[in-house]
């Protein structure tokens, strides 16, 4: 850089990138009580096993809406 006459100040903010902002966690959309414990799910990602088991027994996701 010195050979061609550039300094760190010439580069400026081009080399520095701001870290991406993390989004806030999504609120739960579904919940079910199993053995006295509440299991909540946002509806995103892999479905928890307790919900899957209930769906196989004939329930619908609307039964678990919060």
PDB file of N, CA and C in Angstrom:
ATOM      1  N   UNK A   1       0.821  -1.180   0.000  1.00  0.00           N
ATOM      2  CA  UNK A   1       0.000   0.000   0.000  1.00  0.00           C
ATOM      3  C   UNK A   1       0.871   1.250   0.000  1.00  0.00           C
ATOM      4  N   UNK A   2       1.958   1.192   0.760  1.00  0.00           N
ATOM      5  CA  UNK A   2       2.832   2.358   0.794  1.00  0.00           C
ATOM      6  C   UNK A   2       3.462   2.611  -0.566  1.00  0.00           C
ATOM      7  N   UNK A   3       3.712   1.549  -1.333  1.00  0.00           N
ATOM      8  CA  UNK A   3       4.367   1.699  -2.630  1.00  0.00           C
ATOM      9  C   UNK A   3       3.506   2.495  -3.609  1.00  0.00           C
ATOM     10  N   UNK A   4       2.198   2.368  -3.487  1.00  0.00           N
ATOM     11  CA  UNK A   4       1.331   3.116  -4.410  1.00  0.00           C
ATOM     12  C   UNK A   4       0.733   4.357  -3.752  1.00  0.00           C
ATOM     13  N   UNK A   5       1.110   4.628  -2.502  1.00  0.00           N
ATOM     14  CA  UNK A   5       0.699   5.867  -1.856  1.00  0.00           C
ATOM     15  C   UNK A   5      -0.641   5.812  -1.150  1.00  0.00           C
ATOM     16  N   UNK A   6      -1.073   4.638  -0.751  1.00  0.00           N
ATOM     17  CA  UNK A   6      -2.343   4.527  -0.030  1.00  0.00           C
ATOM     18  C   UNK A   6      -2.078   4.321   1.462  1.00  0.00           C
ATOM     19  N   UNK A   7      -3.016   4.822   2.248  1.00  0.00           N
ATOM     20  CA  UNK A   7      -2.949   4.592   3.687  1.00  0.00           C
ATOM     21  C   UNK A   7      -4.237   3.900   4.136  1.00  0.00           C
ATOM     22  N   UNK A   8      -4.263   3.511   5.397  1.00  0.00           N
ATOM     23  CA  UNK A   8      -5.464   2.865   5.952  1.00  0.00           C
ATOM     24  C   UNK A   8      -6.637   3.831   5.901  1.00  0.00           C
ATOM     25  N   UNK A   9      -6.380   5.114   6.075  1.00  0.00           N
ATOM     26  CA  UNK A   9      -7.450   6.116   6.040  1.00  0.00           C
ATOM     27  C   UNK A   9      -8.079   6.225   4.650  1.00  0.00           C
ATOM     28  N   UNK A  10      -7.306   5.956   3.593  1.00  0.00           N
ATOM     29  CA  UNK A  10      -7.844   6.005   2.235  1.00  0.00           C
ATOM     30  C   UNK A  10      -8.881   4.909   2.006  1.00  0.00           C
ATOM     31  N   UNK A  11      -8.680   3.779   2.645  1.00  0.00           N
ATOM     32  CA  UNK A  11      -9.632   2.668   2.488  1.00  0.00           C
ATOM     33  C   UNK A  11     -10.940   3.014   3.188  1.00  0.00           C
ATOM     34  N   UNK A  12     -10.864   3.665   4.316  1.00  0.00           N
ATOM     35  CA  UNK A  12     -12.053   4.118   5.027  1.00  0.00           C
ATOM     36  C   UNK A  12     -12.860   2.968   5.588  1.00  0.00           C
ATOM     37  N   UNK A  13     -14.171   3.099   5.572  1.00  0.00           N
ATOM     38  CA  UNK A  13     -15.077   2.102   6.154  1.00  0.00           C
ATOM     39  C   UNK A  13     -15.392   0.955   5.232  1.00  0.00           C
ATOM     40  N   UNK A  14     -14.758   0.890   4.075  1.00  0.00           N
ATOM     41  CA  UNK A  14     -15.080  -0.177   3.128  1.00  0.00           C
ATOM     42  C   UNK A  14     -14.721  -1.555   3.685  1.00  0.00           C
ATOM     43  N   UNK A  15     -13.700  -1.632   4.509  1.00  0.00           N
ATOM     44  CA  UNK A  15     -13.269  -2.923   5.035  1.00  0.00           C
ATOM     45  C   UNK A  15     -14.036  -3.317   6.288  1.00  0.00           C
ATOM     46  N   UNK A  16     -14.742  -2.394   6.899  1.00  0.00           N
ATOM     47  CA  UNK A  16     -15.458  -2.666   8.140  1.00  0.00           C
ATOM     48  C   UNK A  16     -16.941  -2.817   7.831  1.00  0.00           C
ATOM     49  N   UNK A  17     -17.480  -3.983   8.167  1.00  0.00           N
ATOM     50  CA  UNK A  17     -18.914  -4.214   7.986  1.00  0.00           C
ATOM     51  C   UNK A  17     -19.572  -4.332   9.345  1.00  0.00           C
ATOM     52  N   UNK A  18     -20.755  -3.790   9.458  1.00  0.00           N
ATOM     53  CA  UNK A  18     -21.502  -3.905  10.703  1.00  0.00           C
ATOM     54  C   UNK A  18     -22.021  -5.333  10.848  1.00  0.00           C
ATOM     55  N   UNK A  19     -22.036  -5.820  12.055  1.00  0.00           N
ATOM     56  CA  UNK A  19     -22.554  -7.161  12.316  1.00  0.00           C
ATOM     57  C   UNK A  19     -24.058  -7.172  12.054  1.00  0.00           C
ATOM     58  N   UNK A  20     -24.561  -8.225  11.439  1.00  0.00           N
ATOM     59  CA  UNK A  20     -26.007  -8.285  11.196  1.00  0.00           C
ATOM     60  C   UNK A  20     -26.771  -8.350  12.516  1.00  0.00           C
ATOM     61  N   UNK A  21     -27.892  -7.693  12.543  1.00  0.00           N
ATOM     62  CA  UNK A  21     -28.719  -7.662  13.749  1.00  0.00           C
ATOM     63  C   UNK A  21     -29.485  -8.977  13.870  1.00  0.00           C
ATOM     64  N   UNK A  22     -29.568  -9.499  15.085  1.00  0.00           N
ATOM     65  CA  UNK A  22     -30.381 -10.683  15.330  1.00  0.00           C
ATOM     66  C   UNK A  22     -31.813 -10.231  15.523  1.00  0.00           C
ATOM     67  N   UNK A  23     -32.727 -11.039  15.033  1.00  0.00           N
ATOM     68  CA  UNK A  23     -34.128 -10.681  15.208  1.00  0.00           C
ATOM     69  C   UNK A  23     -34.610 -11.182  16.563  1.00  0.00           C
ATOM     70  N   UNK A  24     -35.671 -10.607  17.036  1.00  0.00           N
ATOM     71  CA  UNK A  24     -36.247 -11.021  18.313  1.00  0.00           C
ATOM     72  C   UNK A  24     -36.860 -12.414  18.157  1.00  0.00           C
ATOM     73  N   UNK A  25     -36.860 -13.220  19.206  1.00  0.00           N
ATOM     74  CA  UNK A  25     -37.468 -14.548  19.110  1.00  0.00           C
ATOM     75  C   UNK A  25     -38.963 -14.432  18.827  1.00  0.00           C
ATOM     76  N   UNK A  26     -39.463 -15.364  18.064  1.00  0.00           N
ATOM     77  CA  UNK A  26     -40.896 -15.358  17.734  1.00  0.00           C
ATOM     78  C   UNK A  26     -41.713 -15.812  18.940  1.00  0.00           C
ATOM     79  N   UNK A  27     -42.895 -15.250  19.099  1.00  0.00           N
ATOM     80  CA  UNK A  27     -43.743 -15.688  20.211  1.00  0.00           C
ATOM     81  C   UNK A  27     -44.343 -17.065  19.899  1.00  0.00           C
ATOM     82  N   UNK A  28     -44.615 -17.873  20.922  1.00  0.00           N
ATOM     83  CA  UNK A  28     -45.212 -19.183  20.667  1.00  0.00           C
ATOM     84  C   UNK A  28     -46.623 -19.044  20.117  1.00  0.00           C
ATOM     85  N   UNK A  29     -46.986 -19.939  19.236  1.00  0.00           N
ATOM     86  CA  UNK A  29     -48.304 -19.916  18.599  1.00  0.00           C
ATOM     87  C   UNK A  29     -49.164 -21.073  19.091  1.00  0.00           C
ATOM     88  N   UNK A  30     -48.514 -22.189  19.471  1.00  0.00           N
ATOM     89  CA  UNK A  30     -49.222 -23.386  19.910  1.00  0.00           C
ATOM     90  C   UNK A  30     -48.693 -23.817  21.270  1.00  0.00           C
ATOM     91  N   UNK A  31     -49.571 -24.422  22.065  1.00  0.00           N
ATOM     92  CA  UNK A  31     -49.113 -24.988  23.320  1.00  0.00           C
ATOM     93  C   UNK A  31     -49.949 -26.212  23.668  1.00  0.00           C
ATOM     94  N   UNK A  32     -49.322 -27.110  24.421  1.00  0.00           N
ATOM     95  CA  UNK A  32     -49.964 -28.336  24.853  1.00  0.00           C
ATOM     96  C   UNK A  32     -49.406 -28.674  26.222  1.00  0.00           C
ATOM     97  N   UNK A  33     -50.249 -29.253  27.079  1.00  0.00           N
ATOM     98  CA  UNK A  33     -49.781 -29.661  28.402  1.00  0.00           C
ATOM     99  C   UNK A  33     -49.575 -31.164  28.409  1.00  0.00           C
ATOM    100  N   UNK A  34     -48.371 -31.581  28.775  1.00  0.00           N
ATOM    101  CA  UNK A  34     -48.007 -32.990  28.821  1.00  0.00           C
ATOM    102  C   UNK A  34     -47.411 -33.282  30.187  1.00  0.00           C
ATOM    103  N   UNK A  35     -48.044 -34.172  30.944  1.00  0.00           N
ATOM    104  CA  UNK A  35     -47.565 -34.558  32.280  1.00  0.00           C
ATOM    105  C   UNK A  35     -47.325 -33.340  33.170  1.00  0.00           C
ATOM    106  N   UNK A  36     -48.215 -32.369  33.120  1.00  0.00           N
ATOM    107  CA  UNK A  36     -48.105 -31.181  33.950  1.00  0.00           C
ATOM    108  C   UNK A  36     -47.122 -30.144  33.449  1.00  0.00           C
ATOM    109  N   UNK A  37     -46.521 -30.376  32.307  1.00  0.00           N
ATOM    110  CA  UNK A  37     -45.542 -29.442  31.747  1.00  0.00           C
ATOM    111  C   UNK A  37     -46.097 -28.848  30.456  1.00  0.00           C
ATOM    112  N   UNK A  38     -45.998 -27.509  30.331  1.00  0.00           N
ATOM    113  CA  UNK A  38     -46.465 -26.834  29.122  1.00  0.00           C
ATOM    114  C   UNK A  38     -45.372 -26.867  28.068  1.00  0.00           C
ATOM    115  N   UNK A  39     -45.729 -27.346  26.874  1.00  0.00           N
ATOM    116  CA  UNK A  39     -44.809 -27.344  25.738  1.00  0.00           C
ATOM    117  C   UNK A  39     -45.354 -26.339  24.742  1.00  0.00           C
ATOM    118  N   UNK A  40     -44.525 -25.369  24.358  1.00  0.00           N
ATOM    119  CA  UNK A  40     -44.943 -24.348  23.409  1.00  0.00           C
ATOM    120  C   UNK A  40     -44.122 -24.462  22.138  1.00  0.00           C
ATOM    121  N   UNK A  41     -44.730 -24.033  21.027  1.00  0.00           N
ATOM    122  CA  UNK A  41     -44.070 -24.094  19.736  1.00  0.00           C
ATOM    123  C   UNK A  41     -44.495 -22.893  18.913  1.00  0.00           C
ATOM    124  N   UNK A  42     -43.555 -22.315  18.176  1.00  0.00           N
ATOM    125  CA  UNK A  42     -43.838 -21.123  17.365  1.00  0.00           C
ATOM    126  C   UNK A  42     -44.499 -21.463  16.039  1.00  0.00           C
ATOM    127  N   UNK A  43     -44.416 -22.718  15.632  1.00  0.00           N
ATOM    128  CA  UNK A  43     -44.916 -23.096  14.316  1.00  0.00           C
ATOM    129  C   UNK A  43     -43.806 -23.067  13.284  1.00  0.00           C
ATOM    130  N   UNK A  44     -42.607 -22.690  13.691  1.00  0.00           N
ATOM    131  CA  UNK A  44     -41.438 -22.630  12.815  1.00  0.00           C
ATOM    132  C   UNK A  44     -40.509 -23.787  13.170  1.00  0.00           C
ATOM    133  N   UNK A  45     -39.840 -24.319  12.196  1.00  0.00           N
ATOM    134  CA  UNK A  45     -38.885 -25.385  12.463  1.00  0.00           C
ATOM    135  C   UNK A  45     -39.562 -26.732  12.639  1.00  0.00           C
ATOM    136  N   UNK A  46     -38.792 -27.672  13.167  1.00  0.00           N
ATOM    137  CA  UNK A  46     -39.285 -29.037  13.345  1.00  0.00           C
ATOM    138  C   UNK A  46     -40.383 -29.080  14.408  1.00  0.00           C
ATOM    139  N   UNK A  47     -41.451 -29.830  14.101  1.00  0.00           N
ATOM    140  CA  UNK A  47     -42.571 -29.954  15.020  1.00  0.00           C
ATOM    141  C   UNK A  47     -42.164 -30.831  16.213  1.00  0.00           C
ATOM    142  N   UNK A  48     -42.428 -30.374  17.445  1.00  0.00           N
ATOM    143  CA  UNK A  48     -42.126 -31.204  18.604  1.00  0.00           C
ATOM    144  C   UNK A  48     -42.914 -32.516  18.572  1.00  0.00           C
ATOM    145  N   UNK A  49     -42.322 -33.544  19.128  1.00  0.00           N
ATOM    146  CA  UNK A  49     -42.902 -34.887  19.096  1.00  0.00           C
ATOM    147  C   UNK A  49     -44.271 -34.939  19.757  1.00  0.00           C
ATOM    148  N   UNK A  50     -44.463 -34.193  20.839  1.00  0.00           N
ATOM    149  CA  UNK A  50     -45.758 -34.250  21.526  1.00  0.00           C
ATOM    150  C   UNK A  50     -46.888 -33.752  20.627  1.00  0.00           C
ATOM    151  N   UNK A  51     -46.614 -32.761  19.797  1.00  0.00           N
ATOM    152  CA  UNK A  51     -47.633 -32.284  18.851  1.00  0.00           C
ATOM    153  C   UNK A  51     -47.863 -33.321  17.759  1.00  0.00           C
ATOM    154  N   UNK A  52     -46.794 -33.902  17.260  1.00  0.00           N
ATOM    155  CA  UNK A  52     -46.901 -34.900  16.208  1.00  0.00           C
ATOM    156  C   UNK A  52     -47.726 -36.093  16.682  1.00  0.00           C
ATOM    157  N   UNK A  53     -47.492 -36.536  17.914  1.00  0.00           N
ATOM    158  CA  UNK A  53     -48.243 -37.670  18.467  1.00  0.00           C
ATOM    159  C   UNK A  53     -49.730 -37.354  18.569  1.00  0.00           C
ATOM    160  N   UNK A  54     -50.063 -36.150  18.990  1.00  0.00           N
ATOM    161  CA  UNK A  54     -51.467 -35.757  19.109  1.00  0.00           C
ATOM    162  C   UNK A  54     -52.140 -35.660  17.739  1.00  0.00           C
ATOM    163  N   UNK A  55     -51.406 -35.197  16.734  1.00  0.00           N
ATOM    164  CA  UNK A  55     -51.972 -35.120  15.382  1.00  0.00           C
ATOM    165  C   UNK A  55     -52.269 -36.515  14.846  1.00  0.00           C
ATOM    166  N   UNK A  56     -51.405 -37.482  15.159  1.00  0.00           N
ATOM    167  CA  UNK A  56     -51.629 -38.858  14.721  1.00  0.00           C
ATOM    168  C   UNK A  56     -52.851 -39.465  15.396  1.00  0.00           C
ATOM    169  N   UNK A  57     -53.231 -38.952  16.568  1.00  0.00           N
ATOM    170  CA  UNK A  57     -54.397 -39.441  17.289  1.00  0.00           C
ATOM    171  C   UNK A  57     -55.682 -38.745  16.854  1.00  0.00           C
ATOM    172  N   UNK A  58     -55.594 -37.858  15.858  1.00  0.00           N
ATOM    173  CA  UNK A  58     -56.784 -37.243  15.292  1.00  0.00           C
ATOM    174  C   UNK A  58     -57.035 -35.799  15.659  1.00  0.00           C
ATOM    175  N   UNK A  59     -56.210 -35.191  16.478  1.00  0.00           N
ATOM    176  CA  UNK A  59     -56.380 -33.775  16.820  1.00  0.00           C
ATOM    177  C   UNK A  59     -55.916 -32.917  15.650  1.00  0.00           C
ATOM    178  N   UNK A  60     -56.280 -31.630  15.691  1.00  0.00           N
ATOM    179  CA  UNK A  60     -55.824 -30.693  14.667  1.00  0.00           C
ATOM    180  C   UNK A  60     -54.976 -29.613  15.345  1.00  0.00           C
ATOM    181  N   UNK A  61     -54.196 -28.905  14.560  1.00  0.00           N
ATOM    182  CA  UNK A  61     -53.341 -27.847  15.105  1.00  0.00           C
ATOM    183  C   UNK A  61     -54.190 -26.717  15.706  1.00  0.00           C
ATOM    184  N   UNK A  62     -55.400 -26.532  15.216  1.00  0.00           N
ATOM    185  CA  UNK A  62     -56.272 -25.499  15.768  1.00  0.00           C
ATOM    186  C   UNK A  62     -56.621 -25.787  17.225  1.00  0.00           C
ATOM    187  N   UNK A  63     -56.566 -27.071  17.620  1.00  0.00           N
ATOM    188  CA  UNK A  63     -56.837 -27.434  19.013  1.00  0.00           C
ATOM    189  C   UNK A  63     -55.769 -26.894  19.959  1.00  0.00           C
ATOM    190  N   UNK A  64     -54.588 -26.581  19.445  1.00  0.00           N
ATOM    191  CA  UNK A  64     -53.478 -26.167  20.282  1.00  0.00           C
ATOM    192  C   UNK A  64     -53.152 -24.680  20.181  1.00  0.00           C
ATOM    193  N   UNK A  65     -53.946 -23.923  19.423  1.00  0.00           N
ATOM    194  CA  UNK A  65     -53.683 -22.490  19.282  1.00  0.00           C
ATOM    195  C   UNK A  65     -53.760 -21.785  20.625  1.00  0.00           C
ATOM    196  N   UNK A  66     -52.881 -20.832  20.825  1.00  0.00           N
ATOM    197  CA  UNK A  66     -52.890 -20.038  22.056  1.00  0.00           C
ATOM    198  C   UNK A  66     -53.889 -18.922  21.912  1.00  0.00           C
TER     199      UNK A  66
END
